[in-house]
């Protein structure tokens, strides 16, 4: 069985509507949080979500 995790919003820390698997890789993904209504560019690799430097 594949392990999946919810992507947490880097601003408020709540769950978004997106799930990732261990082998998921994303670059400059526009992650939208329905709770705080903010969009953030993120990079994802091996369950590690980091905010893109360009976004700041």
N, C-alpha and C. Protein backbone atom coordinates (compact mmCIF):
# COMPACT_ATOMS: atom_id res chain seq x y z
N UNK A 1 0.84 -1.19 0.00
CA UNK A 1 0.00 0.00 0.00
C UNK A 1 0.89 1.25 0.00
N UNK A 2 0.57 2.17 -0.88
CA UNK A 2 1.33 3.42 -0.99
C UNK A 2 0.95 4.36 0.15
N UNK A 3 1.96 5.01 0.72
CA UNK A 3 1.71 5.98 1.78
C UNK A 3 1.46 7.34 1.15
N UNK A 4 0.40 8.01 1.58
CA UNK A 4 0.11 9.36 1.12
C UNK A 4 -0.04 10.27 2.33
N UNK A 5 0.25 11.54 2.11
CA UNK A 5 0.10 12.55 3.17
C UNK A 5 -0.55 13.79 2.57
N UNK A 6 -1.26 14.51 3.40
CA UNK A 6 -1.83 15.79 2.99
C UNK A 6 -0.72 16.83 2.95
N UNK A 7 -0.79 17.74 1.98
CA UNK A 7 0.13 18.88 1.98
C UNK A 7 -0.44 19.91 2.95
N UNK A 8 0.37 20.37 3.88
CA UNK A 8 -0.07 21.38 4.83
C UNK A 8 0.29 22.77 4.31
N UNK A 9 -0.57 23.72 4.57
CA UNK A 9 -0.34 25.10 4.15
C UNK A 9 0.88 25.65 4.91
N UNK A 10 1.86 26.23 4.19
CA UNK A 10 3.02 26.79 4.88
C UNK A 10 2.71 28.07 5.66
N UNK A 11 1.55 28.66 5.43
CA UNK A 11 1.17 29.90 6.11
C UNK A 11 0.41 29.61 7.41
N UNK A 12 -0.68 28.83 7.31
CA UNK A 12 -1.52 28.58 8.50
C UNK A 12 -1.32 27.19 9.10
N UNK A 13 -0.70 26.26 8.36
CA UNK A 13 -0.43 24.93 8.89
C UNK A 13 -1.58 23.94 8.79
N UNK A 14 -2.67 24.32 8.13
CA UNK A 14 -3.81 23.42 8.00
C UNK A 14 -3.71 22.60 6.71
N UNK A 15 -4.52 21.54 6.64
CA UNK A 15 -4.52 20.67 5.47
C UNK A 15 -5.10 21.41 4.26
N UNK A 16 -4.48 21.18 3.10
CA UNK A 16 -5.03 21.68 1.85
C UNK A 16 -5.82 20.55 1.20
N UNK A 17 -6.27 20.72 -0.02
CA UNK A 17 -7.02 19.68 -0.71
C UNK A 17 -6.10 18.77 -1.53
N UNK A 18 -4.79 18.86 -1.33
CA UNK A 18 -3.84 18.10 -2.12
C UNK A 18 -3.14 17.04 -1.28
N UNK A 19 -2.99 15.85 -1.86
CA UNK A 19 -2.24 14.77 -1.23
C UNK A 19 -1.00 14.49 -2.07
N UNK A 20 0.05 13.99 -1.41
CA UNK A 20 1.27 13.60 -2.12
C UNK A 20 1.67 12.20 -1.68
N UNK A 21 2.40 11.52 -2.58
CA UNK A 21 2.98 10.22 -2.26
C UNK A 21 4.48 10.42 -2.04
N UNK A 22 5.15 9.38 -1.58
CA UNK A 22 6.58 9.49 -1.29
C UNK A 22 7.39 9.80 -2.55
N UNK A 23 6.93 9.32 -3.71
CA UNK A 23 7.66 9.56 -4.96
C UNK A 23 7.20 10.81 -5.71
N UNK A 24 6.36 11.63 -5.08
CA UNK A 24 5.88 12.87 -5.71
C UNK A 24 6.97 13.94 -5.73
N UNK A 25 7.16 14.55 -6.90
CA UNK A 25 8.08 15.68 -7.03
C UNK A 25 7.37 16.80 -7.77
N UNK A 26 7.41 18.00 -7.21
CA UNK A 26 6.79 19.16 -7.84
C UNK A 26 7.73 20.34 -7.71
N UNK A 27 7.77 21.17 -8.72
CA UNK A 27 8.56 22.40 -8.71
C UNK A 27 7.64 23.57 -9.00
N UNK A 28 7.72 24.58 -8.16
CA UNK A 28 6.93 25.81 -8.33
C UNK A 28 5.44 25.52 -8.47
N UNK A 29 4.93 24.64 -7.61
CA UNK A 29 3.52 24.28 -7.63
C UNK A 29 2.71 25.35 -6.90
N UNK A 30 1.68 25.91 -7.54
CA UNK A 30 0.85 26.94 -6.88
C UNK A 30 -0.14 26.29 -5.91
N UNK A 31 0.22 26.22 -4.65
CA UNK A 31 -0.59 25.58 -3.63
C UNK A 31 -1.57 26.60 -3.05
N UNK A 32 -2.87 26.30 -3.17
CA UNK A 32 -3.90 27.19 -2.65
C UNK A 32 -4.47 26.60 -1.37
N UNK A 33 -4.60 27.41 -0.34
CA UNK A 33 -5.18 26.98 0.92
C UNK A 33 -6.61 27.51 1.02
N UNK A 34 -7.60 26.62 1.13
CA UNK A 34 -8.98 27.06 1.24
C UNK A 34 -9.31 27.70 2.59
N UNK A 35 -8.47 27.47 3.58
CA UNK A 35 -8.73 28.02 4.92
C UNK A 35 -8.30 29.49 5.02
N UNK A 36 -7.02 29.77 4.67
CA UNK A 36 -6.53 31.15 4.78
C UNK A 36 -6.60 31.89 3.44
N UNK A 37 -7.04 31.21 2.40
CA UNK A 37 -7.26 31.80 1.07
C UNK A 37 -6.00 32.44 0.48
N UNK A 38 -4.85 31.82 0.74
CA UNK A 38 -3.57 32.29 0.21
C UNK A 38 -3.03 31.26 -0.78
N UNK A 39 -2.30 31.74 -1.78
CA UNK A 39 -1.63 30.85 -2.73
C UNK A 39 -0.13 31.02 -2.55
N UNK A 40 0.58 29.90 -2.48
CA UNK A 40 2.01 29.90 -2.25
C UNK A 40 2.68 28.96 -3.24
N UNK A 41 3.80 29.36 -3.83
CA UNK A 41 4.56 28.46 -4.69
C UNK A 41 5.41 27.56 -3.82
N UNK A 42 5.27 26.24 -4.03
CA UNK A 42 6.02 25.29 -3.22
C UNK A 42 6.76 24.28 -4.10
N UNK A 43 7.83 23.72 -3.56
CA UNK A 43 8.54 22.60 -4.15
C UNK A 43 8.30 21.41 -3.24
N UNK A 44 8.11 20.23 -3.83
CA UNK A 44 7.87 19.01 -3.05
C UNK A 44 8.81 17.93 -3.53
N UNK A 45 9.48 17.26 -2.58
CA UNK A 45 10.33 16.13 -2.90
C UNK A 45 10.42 15.22 -1.68
N UNK A 46 10.03 13.95 -1.83
CA UNK A 46 10.06 12.96 -0.75
C UNK A 46 9.38 13.43 0.53
N UNK A 47 8.15 13.87 0.42
CA UNK A 47 7.33 14.36 1.53
C UNK A 47 7.84 15.65 2.15
N UNK A 48 8.86 16.28 1.58
CA UNK A 48 9.38 17.55 2.11
C UNK A 48 8.81 18.68 1.25
N UNK A 49 8.05 19.55 1.88
CA UNK A 49 7.43 20.69 1.20
C UNK A 49 8.20 21.94 1.62
N UNK A 50 8.69 22.70 0.62
CA UNK A 50 9.40 23.93 0.93
C UNK A 50 8.86 25.06 0.06
N UNK A 51 8.85 26.26 0.61
CA UNK A 51 8.37 27.44 -0.11
C UNK A 51 9.45 27.87 -1.10
N UNK A 52 9.04 28.17 -2.34
CA UNK A 52 10.00 28.63 -3.35
C UNK A 52 10.57 29.98 -2.95
N UNK A 53 11.83 30.19 -3.22
CA UNK A 53 12.50 31.45 -2.88
C UNK A 53 11.91 32.63 -3.65
N UNK A 54 11.46 32.39 -4.89
CA UNK A 54 10.88 33.45 -5.73
C UNK A 54 9.60 34.00 -5.13
N UNK A 55 8.93 33.20 -4.32
CA UNK A 55 7.63 33.56 -3.77
C UNK A 55 7.73 34.65 -2.70
N UNK A 56 8.88 34.75 -2.06
CA UNK A 56 9.05 35.67 -0.93
C UNK A 56 9.33 37.08 -1.40
